[in-house]
């Protein structure tokens, strides 16, 4: 049998990957190991709209590789092909909340919808200015209702990240 991967412990594969990214880019990101959330190390003050994304791990560098200047402020990294949990997403929202608001982007997957939306609603009940886009523009899928957003997701992060850095408002 041919070896295709180097894995220390299957249950730690996502955490190991994120720890490696933090070691490789300590000036850009920091890891919250309790939640497998990755945060931008140096963020602008309270007047910048914060950007959050996430999803199941397994197609790296998505999504943790898109945290940094002109991109995302935080990412929730779910386990392999598994959506981040509601408490995990909520922890990230609380960590990056600003007076300017938060935009959340995730793919049009059932698990992402089931876990991101309740966390967003919890934050709204606490008075956090927050909204989301379930990215679903996916030309690779012919049936519109099944589009997941994999084709355009990175461009959404980049456009929103550049706009936030330039001081565009939540609205």
N, C-alpha and C. Protein backbone atom coordinates (compact mmCIF):
# COMPACT_ATOMS: atom_id res chain seq x y z
N UNK A 1 0.84 -1.18 0.00
CA UNK A 1 0.00 0.00 0.00
C UNK A 1 0.88 1.24 0.00
N UNK A 2 0.62 2.16 -0.91
CA UNK A 2 1.41 3.38 -1.02
C UNK A 2 0.97 4.40 0.02
N UNK A 3 1.95 5.08 0.60
CA UNK A 3 1.66 6.15 1.55
C UNK A 3 1.37 7.42 0.77
N UNK A 4 0.21 8.02 1.03
CA UNK A 4 -0.19 9.23 0.30
C UNK A 4 -0.12 10.48 1.17
N UNK A 5 -0.10 10.30 2.50
CA UNK A 5 -0.16 11.45 3.40
C UNK A 5 0.75 11.22 4.60
N UNK A 6 1.21 12.32 5.18
CA UNK A 6 1.94 12.26 6.44
C UNK A 6 1.01 12.80 7.51
N UNK A 7 0.52 11.94 8.37
CA UNK A 7 -0.41 12.33 9.41
C UNK A 7 0.07 11.74 10.72
N UNK A 8 0.26 12.61 11.73
CA UNK A 8 0.66 12.11 13.04
C UNK A 8 -0.50 11.40 13.72
N UNK A 9 -1.58 12.13 13.96
CA UNK A 9 -2.79 11.57 14.57
C UNK A 9 -3.98 12.08 13.78
N UNK A 10 -4.80 11.22 13.22
CA UNK A 10 -5.94 11.68 12.42
C UNK A 10 -6.86 12.66 13.14
N UNK A 11 -7.06 12.48 14.44
CA UNK A 11 -7.94 13.38 15.18
C UNK A 11 -7.37 14.77 15.35
N UNK A 12 -6.07 14.93 15.12
CA UNK A 12 -5.41 16.23 15.29
C UNK A 12 -4.99 16.85 13.96
N UNK A 13 -5.42 16.32 12.86
CA UNK A 13 -4.91 16.78 11.58
C UNK A 13 -5.17 18.27 11.33
N UNK A 14 -6.36 18.74 11.67
CA UNK A 14 -6.68 20.17 11.47
C UNK A 14 -5.86 21.02 12.42
N UNK A 15 -5.83 20.63 13.69
CA UNK A 15 -5.05 21.40 14.68
C UNK A 15 -3.58 21.44 14.29
N UNK A 16 -3.01 20.32 13.87
CA UNK A 16 -1.60 20.30 13.46
C UNK A 16 -1.36 21.24 12.28
N UNK A 17 -2.27 21.23 11.31
CA UNK A 17 -2.12 22.11 10.15
C UNK A 17 -2.15 23.57 10.59
N UNK A 18 -3.10 23.92 11.45
CA UNK A 18 -3.23 25.31 11.90
C UNK A 18 -2.04 25.74 12.75
N UNK A 19 -1.55 24.85 13.59
CA UNK A 19 -0.35 25.16 14.38
C UNK A 19 0.84 25.39 13.47
N UNK A 20 0.96 24.59 12.42
CA UNK A 20 2.04 24.78 11.45
C UNK A 20 1.93 26.11 10.74
N UNK A 21 0.71 26.50 10.38
CA UNK A 21 0.51 27.80 9.73
C UNK A 21 0.88 28.94 10.67
N UNK A 22 0.51 28.82 11.94
CA UNK A 22 0.85 29.86 12.91
C UNK A 22 2.37 29.95 13.08
N UNK A 23 3.05 28.82 13.11
CA UNK A 23 4.52 28.84 13.22
C UNK A 23 5.17 29.43 11.97
N UNK A 24 4.59 29.18 10.82
CA UNK A 24 5.15 29.68 9.57
C UNK A 24 4.88 31.18 9.37
N UNK A 25 3.75 31.67 9.90
CA UNK A 25 3.35 33.07 9.67
C UNK A 25 2.94 33.75 10.98
N UNK A 26 3.85 33.77 11.98
CA UNK A 26 3.47 34.34 13.29
C UNK A 26 3.20 35.84 13.25
N UNK A 27 3.71 36.51 12.25
CA UNK A 27 3.47 37.96 12.15
C UNK A 27 2.11 38.26 11.53
N UNK A 28 1.44 37.26 10.98
CA UNK A 28 0.17 37.47 10.29
C UNK A 28 -1.01 36.90 11.07
N UNK A 29 -0.87 35.68 11.58
CA UNK A 29 -2.01 35.01 12.21
C UNK A 29 -1.69 34.52 13.61
N UNK A 30 -2.75 34.30 14.37
CA UNK A 30 -2.65 33.63 15.66
C UNK A 30 -3.78 32.62 15.76
N UNK A 31 -3.53 31.53 16.41
CA UNK A 31 -4.47 30.42 16.52
C UNK A 31 -5.08 30.39 17.91
N UNK A 32 -6.36 30.21 17.99
CA UNK A 32 -7.04 29.88 19.24
C UNK A 32 -7.24 28.37 19.22
N UNK A 33 -6.37 27.62 19.90
CA UNK A 33 -6.43 26.16 19.80
C UNK A 33 -7.67 25.55 20.43
N UNK A 34 -8.35 26.28 21.31
CA UNK A 34 -9.58 25.74 21.90
C UNK A 34 -10.65 25.53 20.82
N UNK A 35 -10.69 26.43 19.85
CA UNK A 35 -11.76 26.39 18.85
C UNK A 35 -11.27 26.10 17.43
N UNK A 36 -9.99 26.02 17.20
CA UNK A 36 -9.45 25.92 15.83
C UNK A 36 -9.86 27.15 15.01
N UNK A 37 -9.88 28.30 15.67
CA UNK A 37 -10.13 29.56 14.98
C UNK A 37 -8.81 30.27 14.75
N UNK A 38 -8.68 30.86 13.58
CA UNK A 38 -7.47 31.61 13.23
C UNK A 38 -7.85 33.07 13.13
N UNK A 39 -7.04 33.93 13.77
CA UNK A 39 -7.31 35.36 13.79
C UNK A 39 -6.15 36.13 13.17
N UNK A 40 -6.49 37.24 12.59
CA UNK A 40 -5.47 38.18 12.11
C UNK A 40 -4.77 38.75 13.33
N UNK A 41 -3.45 38.66 13.35
CA UNK A 41 -2.70 39.08 14.54
C UNK A 41 -2.84 40.57 14.81
N UNK A 42 -2.69 41.40 13.81
CA UNK A 42 -2.79 42.84 14.00
C UNK A 42 -3.97 43.37 13.21
N UNK A 43 -5.00 43.76 13.91
CA UNK A 43 -6.21 44.26 13.26
C UNK A 43 -6.32 45.76 13.47
N UNK A 44 -7.03 46.40 12.54
CA UNK A 44 -7.30 47.82 12.70
C UNK A 44 -8.26 48.01 13.87
N UNK A 45 -8.33 49.22 14.38
CA UNK A 45 -9.20 49.47 15.53
C UNK A 45 -10.69 49.28 15.23
N UNK A 46 -11.47 49.68 16.18
CA UNK A 46 -12.90 49.44 16.22
C UNK A 46 -13.69 49.99 15.04
N UNK A 47 -13.12 50.87 14.25
CA UNK A 47 -13.89 51.47 13.16
C UNK A 47 -13.86 50.66 11.87
N UNK A 48 -13.09 49.59 11.82
CA UNK A 48 -13.02 48.76 10.61
C UNK A 48 -14.04 47.64 10.68
N UNK A 49 -14.76 47.43 9.60
CA UNK A 49 -15.67 46.29 9.51
C UNK A 49 -14.84 45.01 9.57
N UNK A 50 -15.24 44.10 10.43
CA UNK A 50 -14.53 42.83 10.58
C UNK A 50 -15.12 41.80 9.61
N UNK A 51 -14.26 40.89 9.15
CA UNK A 51 -14.67 39.87 8.18
C UNK A 51 -14.35 38.48 8.72
N UNK A 52 -15.35 37.61 8.67
CA UNK A 52 -15.23 36.24 9.17
C UNK A 52 -15.67 35.26 8.08
N UNK A 53 -14.96 34.17 7.98
CA UNK A 53 -15.37 33.10 7.07
C UNK A 53 -15.03 31.77 7.72
N UNK A 54 -15.24 30.72 6.99
CA UNK A 54 -14.90 29.41 7.52
C UNK A 54 -15.63 28.31 6.78
N UNK A 55 -15.37 27.12 7.22
CA UNK A 55 -15.97 25.94 6.62
C UNK A 55 -15.15 24.72 6.99
N UNK A 56 -15.48 23.63 6.36
CA UNK A 56 -14.76 22.40 6.62
C UNK A 56 -13.34 22.45 6.06
N UNK A 57 -12.42 21.87 6.78
CA UNK A 57 -11.04 21.79 6.31
C UNK A 57 -10.94 20.67 5.28
N UNK A 58 -9.83 20.66 4.56
CA UNK A 58 -9.61 19.60 3.60
C UNK A 58 -9.20 20.09 2.23
N UNK A 59 -9.39 21.37 1.97
CA UNK A 59 -8.97 21.96 0.70
C UNK A 59 -8.09 23.17 1.01
N UNK A 60 -7.00 22.95 1.70
CA UNK A 60 -6.15 24.05 2.13
C UNK A 60 -5.48 24.71 0.93
N UNK A 61 -5.28 26.05 1.05
CA UNK A 61 -5.28 26.83 2.29
C UNK A 61 -6.65 27.34 2.73
N UNK A 62 -7.73 26.90 2.08
CA UNK A 62 -9.05 27.37 2.53
C UNK A 62 -9.30 26.81 3.92
N UNK A 63 -9.65 27.58 4.81
CA UNK A 63 -9.91 29.02 4.73
C UNK A 63 -8.86 29.80 5.50
N UNK A 64 -8.13 29.13 6.32
CA UNK A 64 -7.15 29.80 7.20
C UNK A 64 -6.08 30.55 6.42
N UNK A 65 -5.79 30.15 5.22
CA UNK A 65 -4.78 30.82 4.42
C UNK A 65 -5.22 32.17 3.89
N UNK A 66 -6.45 32.55 4.15
CA UNK A 66 -6.96 33.83 3.65
C UNK A 66 -7.15 34.85 4.76
N UNK A 67 -6.48 34.66 5.88
CA UNK A 67 -6.52 35.62 6.98
C UNK A 67 -5.30 36.53 6.84
N UNK A 68 -5.54 37.84 6.88
CA UNK A 68 -4.44 38.79 6.80
C UNK A 68 -4.89 40.12 6.22
N UNK A 69 -3.93 40.99 6.02
CA UNK A 69 -4.21 42.33 5.51
C UNK A 69 -4.92 42.25 4.16
N UNK A 70 -6.00 43.00 4.02
CA UNK A 70 -6.75 43.01 2.78
C UNK A 70 -7.58 41.76 2.53
N UNK A 71 -7.69 40.94 3.54
CA UNK A 71 -8.49 39.71 3.42
C UNK A 71 -9.36 39.57 4.67
N UNK A 72 -9.33 38.43 5.31
CA UNK A 72 -10.21 38.14 6.44
C UNK A 72 -9.55 38.48 7.78
N UNK A 73 -10.41 38.74 8.78
CA UNK A 73 -9.93 38.97 10.14
C UNK A 73 -9.96 37.68 10.96
N UNK A 74 -10.77 36.74 10.55
CA UNK A 74 -10.87 35.48 11.29
C UNK A 74 -11.46 34.39 10.42
N UNK A 75 -11.12 33.16 10.79
CA UNK A 75 -11.64 31.97 10.10
C UNK A 75 -11.93 30.91 11.15
N UNK A 76 -13.05 30.23 10.97
CA UNK A 76 -13.40 29.07 11.78
C UNK A 76 -13.11 27.84 10.93
N UNK A 77 -12.13 27.05 11.34
CA UNK A 77 -11.75 25.87 10.58
C UNK A 77 -12.43 24.64 11.17
N UNK A 78 -13.41 24.12 10.45
CA UNK A 78 -14.07 22.89 10.87
C UNK A 78 -13.15 21.70 10.62
N UNK A 79 -13.54 20.56 11.15
CA UNK A 79 -12.78 19.37 10.86
C UNK A 79 -12.94 19.03 9.38
N UNK A 80 -12.23 18.03 8.91
CA UNK A 80 -12.20 17.70 7.49
C UNK A 80 -13.62 17.49 6.96
N UNK A 81 -13.98 18.33 5.99
CA UNK A 81 -15.29 18.29 5.32
C UNK A 81 -16.46 18.41 6.29
N UNK A 82 -16.25 19.09 7.40
CA UNK A 82 -17.27 19.27 8.42
C UNK A 82 -17.37 20.74 8.78
N UNK A 83 -18.56 21.27 8.83
CA UNK A 83 -18.76 22.68 9.17
C UNK A 83 -18.26 22.98 10.58
N UNK A 84 -17.79 24.21 10.80
CA UNK A 84 -17.47 24.62 12.17
C UNK A 84 -18.74 24.55 13.03
N UNK A 85 -18.57 24.39 14.32
CA UNK A 85 -19.71 24.28 15.23
C UNK A 85 -20.28 25.66 15.56
N UNK A 86 -21.51 25.69 16.06
CA UNK A 86 -22.13 26.95 16.46
C UNK A 86 -21.29 27.64 17.54
N UNK A 87 -20.87 26.95 18.62
CA UNK A 87 -20.04 27.64 19.63
C UNK A 87 -18.71 28.15 19.06
N UNK A 88 -18.14 27.42 18.13
CA UNK A 88 -16.89 27.84 17.50
C UNK A 88 -17.09 29.14 16.71
N UNK A 89 -18.14 29.21 15.93
CA UNK A 89 -18.43 30.42 15.15
C UNK A 89 -18.75 31.57 16.08
N UNK A 90 -19.54 31.32 17.10
CA UNK A 90 -19.91 32.36 18.06
C UNK A 90 -18.67 32.92 18.77
N UNK A 91 -17.73 32.05 19.13
CA UNK A 91 -16.48 32.50 19.77
C UNK A 91 -15.72 33.44 18.84
N UNK A 92 -15.66 33.12 17.57
CA UNK A 92 -14.96 33.98 16.61
C UNK A 92 -15.67 35.32 16.47
N UNK A 93 -16.99 35.30 16.40
CA UNK A 93 -17.75 36.55 16.30
C UNK A 93 -17.45 37.44 17.49
N UNK A 94 -17.50 36.88 18.68
CA UNK A 94 -17.23 37.66 19.90
C UNK A 94 -15.82 38.23 19.90
N UNK A 95 -14.87 37.46 19.40
CA UNK A 95 -13.47 37.89 19.39
C UNK A 95 -13.23 39.07 18.45
N UNK A 96 -13.91 39.11 17.31
CA UNK A 96 -13.60 40.15 16.32
C UNK A 96 -14.64 41.25 16.24
N UNK A 97 -15.67 41.21 17.09
CA UNK A 97 -16.76 42.19 17.03
C UNK A 97 -16.21 43.61 17.15
N UNK A 98 -16.69 44.49 16.28
CA UNK A 98 -16.32 45.91 16.33
C UNK A 98 -17.59 46.74 16.22
N UNK A 99 -17.48 48.03 16.56
CA UNK A 99 -18.61 48.94 16.41
C UNK A 99 -19.01 49.08 14.95
N UNK A 100 -18.06 48.86 14.04
CA UNK A 100 -18.33 48.99 12.61
C UNK A 100 -19.12 47.82 12.05
N UNK A 101 -19.16 46.71 12.77
CA UNK A 101 -19.92 45.55 12.33
C UNK A 101 -19.06 44.41 11.81
N UNK A 102 -19.73 43.32 11.51
CA UNK A 102 -19.07 42.11 11.01
C UNK A 102 -19.84 41.59 9.81
N UNK A 103 -19.11 41.25 8.76
CA UNK A 103 -19.68 40.50 7.63
C UNK A 103 -19.14 39.08 7.72
N UNK A 104 -20.01 38.11 7.55
CA UNK A 104 -19.64 36.70 7.61
C UNK A 104 -19.92 36.08 6.24
N UNK A 105 -18.96 35.33 5.74
CA UNK A 105 -19.08 34.66 4.44
C UNK A 105 -18.86 33.17 4.63
N UNK A 106 -19.74 32.38 4.06
CA UNK A 106 -19.56 30.93 4.09
C UNK A 106 -20.22 30.34 2.85
N UNK A 107 -19.84 29.12 2.53
CA UNK A 107 -20.38 28.44 1.36
C UNK A 107 -21.82 28.00 1.57
N UNK A 108 -22.50 27.76 0.49
CA UNK A 108 -23.90 27.36 0.52
C UNK A 108 -24.02 25.85 0.77
N UNK A 109 -23.50 25.43 1.91
CA UNK A 109 -23.55 24.03 2.32
C UNK A 109 -24.52 23.91 3.49
N UNK A 110 -25.21 22.81 3.60
CA UNK A 110 -26.19 22.61 4.66
C UNK A 110 -25.56 22.80 6.04
N UNK A 111 -24.42 22.18 6.29
CA UNK A 111 -23.77 22.28 7.59
C UNK A 111 -23.35 23.70 7.93
N UNK A 112 -22.83 24.42 6.95
CA UNK A 112 -22.44 25.81 7.19
C UNK A 112 -23.66 26.66 7.53
N UNK A 113 -24.73 26.50 6.77
CA UNK A 113 -25.97 27.24 7.06
C UNK A 113 -26.50 26.90 8.46
N UNK A 114 -26.47 25.62 8.81
CA UNK A 114 -27.01 25.19 10.11
C UNK A 114 -26.18 25.69 11.28
N UNK A 115 -24.90 25.96 11.08
CA UNK A 115 -24.05 26.34 12.20
C UNK A 115 -23.67 27.82 12.22
N UNK A 116 -23.48 28.43 11.07
CA UNK A 116 -23.15 29.86 11.06
C UNK A 116 -24.37 30.71 11.42
N UNK A 117 -25.52 30.42 10.82
CA UNK A 117 -26.69 31.28 11.02
C UNK A 117 -27.12 31.36 12.49
N UNK A 118 -27.23 30.26 13.24
CA UNK A 118 -27.60 30.39 14.66
C UNK A 118 -26.59 31.21 15.46
N UNK A 119 -25.30 31.06 15.17
CA UNK A 119 -24.28 31.86 15.87
C UNK A 119 -24.46 33.35 15.55
N UNK A 120 -24.77 33.65 14.31
CA UNK A 120 -25.01 35.04 13.90
C UNK A 120 -26.24 35.59 14.62
N UNK A 121 -27.29 34.79 14.70
CA UNK A 121 -28.51 35.22 15.40
C UNK A 121 -28.25 35.46 16.88
N UNK A 122 -27.43 34.61 17.51
CA UNK A 122 -27.06 34.82 18.91
C UNK A 122 -26.36 36.16 19.07
N UNK A 123 -25.45 36.46 18.17
CA UNK A 123 -24.72 37.74 18.23
C UNK A 123 -25.66 38.92 18.05
N UNK A 124 -26.59 38.81 17.12
CA UNK A 124 -27.57 39.89 16.90
C UNK A 124 -28.37 40.16 18.18
N UNK A 125 -28.77 39.09 18.87
CA UNK A 125 -29.53 39.27 20.11
C UNK A 125 -28.72 40.02 21.17
N UNK A 126 -27.40 39.95 21.06
CA UNK A 126 -26.54 40.68 21.99
C UNK A 126 -26.23 42.09 21.51
N UNK A 127 -26.80 42.47 20.37
CA UNK A 127 -26.60 43.83 19.88
C UNK A 127 -25.41 43.99 18.94
N UNK A 128 -24.79 42.89 18.53
CA UNK A 128 -23.67 42.97 17.60
C UNK A 128 -24.22 43.21 16.20
N UNK A 129 -23.66 44.19 15.53
CA UNK A 129 -24.04 44.51 14.14
C UNK A 129 -23.37 43.47 13.24
N UNK A 130 -24.19 42.64 12.62
CA UNK A 130 -23.63 41.50 11.88
C UNK A 130 -24.59 41.08 10.78
N UNK A 131 -24.04 40.64 9.67
CA UNK A 131 -24.84 40.07 8.60
C UNK A 131 -23.99 39.03 7.88
N UNK A 132 -24.59 38.30 6.97
CA UNK A 132 -23.87 37.22 6.30
C UNK A 132 -24.26 37.10 4.84
N UNK A 133 -23.38 36.44 4.11
CA UNK A 133 -23.64 36.05 2.73
C UNK A 133 -23.29 34.57 2.61
N UNK A 134 -24.27 33.77 2.21
CA UNK A 134 -24.01 32.38 1.87
C UNK A 134 -23.59 32.39 0.39
N UNK A 135 -22.32 32.28 0.15
CA UNK A 135 -21.77 32.41 -1.20
C UNK A 135 -22.23 31.20 -2.02
N UNK A 136 -22.91 31.47 -3.14
CA UNK A 136 -23.44 30.35 -3.93
C UNK A 136 -23.29 30.55 -5.43
N UNK A 137 -22.43 31.44 -5.84
CA UNK A 137 -22.20 31.63 -7.27
C UNK A 137 -21.17 30.60 -7.71
N UNK A 138 -21.62 29.56 -8.35
CA UNK A 138 -20.76 28.43 -8.65
C UNK A 138 -21.09 27.91 -10.05
N UNK A 139 -20.32 28.33 -11.03
CA UNK A 139 -20.60 27.94 -12.41
C UNK A 139 -20.33 26.46 -12.68
N UNK A 140 -19.67 25.79 -11.75
CA UNK A 140 -19.37 24.37 -11.94
C UNK A 140 -20.59 23.48 -11.71
N UNK A 141 -21.62 24.03 -11.09
CA UNK A 141 -22.84 23.28 -10.79
C UNK A 141 -23.98 23.87 -11.62
N UNK A 142 -24.63 23.05 -12.44
CA UNK A 142 -25.68 23.57 -13.32
C UNK A 142 -26.98 23.89 -12.58
N UNK A 143 -27.31 23.14 -11.53
CA UNK A 143 -28.55 23.37 -10.80
C UNK A 143 -28.35 24.48 -9.77
N UNK A 144 -29.03 25.61 -9.97
CA UNK A 144 -28.82 26.80 -9.14
C UNK A 144 -28.96 26.54 -7.65
N UNK A 145 -29.96 25.75 -7.24
CA UNK A 145 -30.18 25.52 -5.81
C UNK A 145 -29.07 24.69 -5.16
N UNK A 146 -28.25 24.01 -5.96
CA UNK A 146 -27.17 23.20 -5.42
C UNK A 146 -25.82 23.91 -5.46
N UNK A 147 -25.78 25.13 -5.94
CA UNK A 147 -24.51 25.86 -6.03
C UNK A 147 -24.00 26.18 -4.64
N UNK A 148 -22.69 25.94 -4.45
CA UNK A 148 -22.08 26.06 -3.13
C UNK A 148 -21.14 27.23 -2.99
N UNK A 149 -20.73 27.84 -4.06
CA UNK A 149 -19.87 29.00 -3.97
C UNK A 149 -18.39 28.73 -4.03
N UNK A 150 -17.99 27.50 -4.32
CA UNK A 150 -16.57 27.18 -4.28
C UNK A 150 -15.77 27.96 -5.33
N UNK A 151 -16.37 28.30 -6.43
CA UNK A 151 -15.64 28.97 -7.50
C UNK A 151 -15.31 30.42 -7.16
N UNK A 152 -16.18 31.10 -6.48
CA UNK A 152 -16.06 32.54 -6.28
C UNK A 152 -15.65 32.94 -4.86
N UNK A 153 -15.63 31.99 -3.95
CA UNK A 153 -15.43 32.30 -2.53
C UNK A 153 -14.20 33.16 -2.26
N UNK A 154 -13.07 32.82 -2.83
CA UNK A 154 -11.84 33.57 -2.56
C UNK A 154 -11.96 35.01 -3.06
N UNK A 155 -12.60 35.20 -4.19
CA UNK A 155 -12.76 36.57 -4.71
C UNK A 155 -13.67 37.39 -3.81
N UNK A 156 -14.69 36.78 -3.23
CA UNK A 156 -15.54 37.49 -2.27
C UNK A 156 -14.70 37.94 -1.08
N UNK A 157 -13.84 37.06 -0.56
CA UNK A 157 -12.96 37.44 0.55
C UNK A 157 -12.08 38.62 0.17
N UNK A 158 -11.49 38.55 -1.00
CA UNK A 158 -10.55 39.60 -1.42
C UNK A 158 -11.24 40.93 -1.65
N UNK A 159 -12.38 40.93 -2.31
CA UNK A 159 -13.10 42.18 -2.57
C UNK A 159 -13.57 42.80 -1.25
N UNK A 160 -14.17 42.00 -0.38
CA UNK A 160 -14.63 42.50 0.91
C UNK A 160 -13.45 42.96 1.77
N UNK A 161 -12.35 42.20 1.73
CA UNK A 161 -11.17 42.56 2.52
C UNK A 161 -10.57 43.88 2.08
N UNK A 162 -10.46 44.09 0.79
CA UNK A 162 -9.92 45.35 0.27
C UNK A 162 -10.84 46.51 0.64
N UNK A 163 -12.16 46.30 0.52
CA UNK A 163 -13.12 47.35 0.86
C UNK A 163 -13.04 47.70 2.35
N UNK A 164 -12.93 46.69 3.20
CA UNK A 164 -12.85 46.94 4.65
C UNK A 164 -11.57 47.70 4.99
N UNK A 165 -10.46 47.33 4.38
CA UNK A 165 -9.19 48.04 4.63
C UNK A 165 -9.27 49.50 4.20
N UNK A 166 -10.03 49.77 3.15
CA UNK A 166 -10.18 51.14 2.64
C UNK A 166 -11.19 51.95 3.44
N UNK A 167 -11.83 51.33 4.40
CA UNK A 167 -12.76 52.05 5.26
C UNK A 167 -14.20 52.04 4.82
N UNK A 168 -14.54 51.17 3.86
CA UNK A 168 -15.95 51.07 3.47
C UNK A 168 -16.77 50.67 4.69
N UNK A 169 -18.00 51.14 4.75
CA UNK A 169 -18.85 50.87 5.90
C UNK A 169 -19.58 49.54 5.74
N UNK A 170 -20.19 49.13 6.82
CA UNK A 170 -20.96 47.90 6.87
C UNK A 170 -22.07 47.89 5.82
N UNK A 171 -22.71 49.02 5.65
CA UNK A 171 -23.81 49.12 4.71
C UNK A 171 -23.30 49.04 3.29
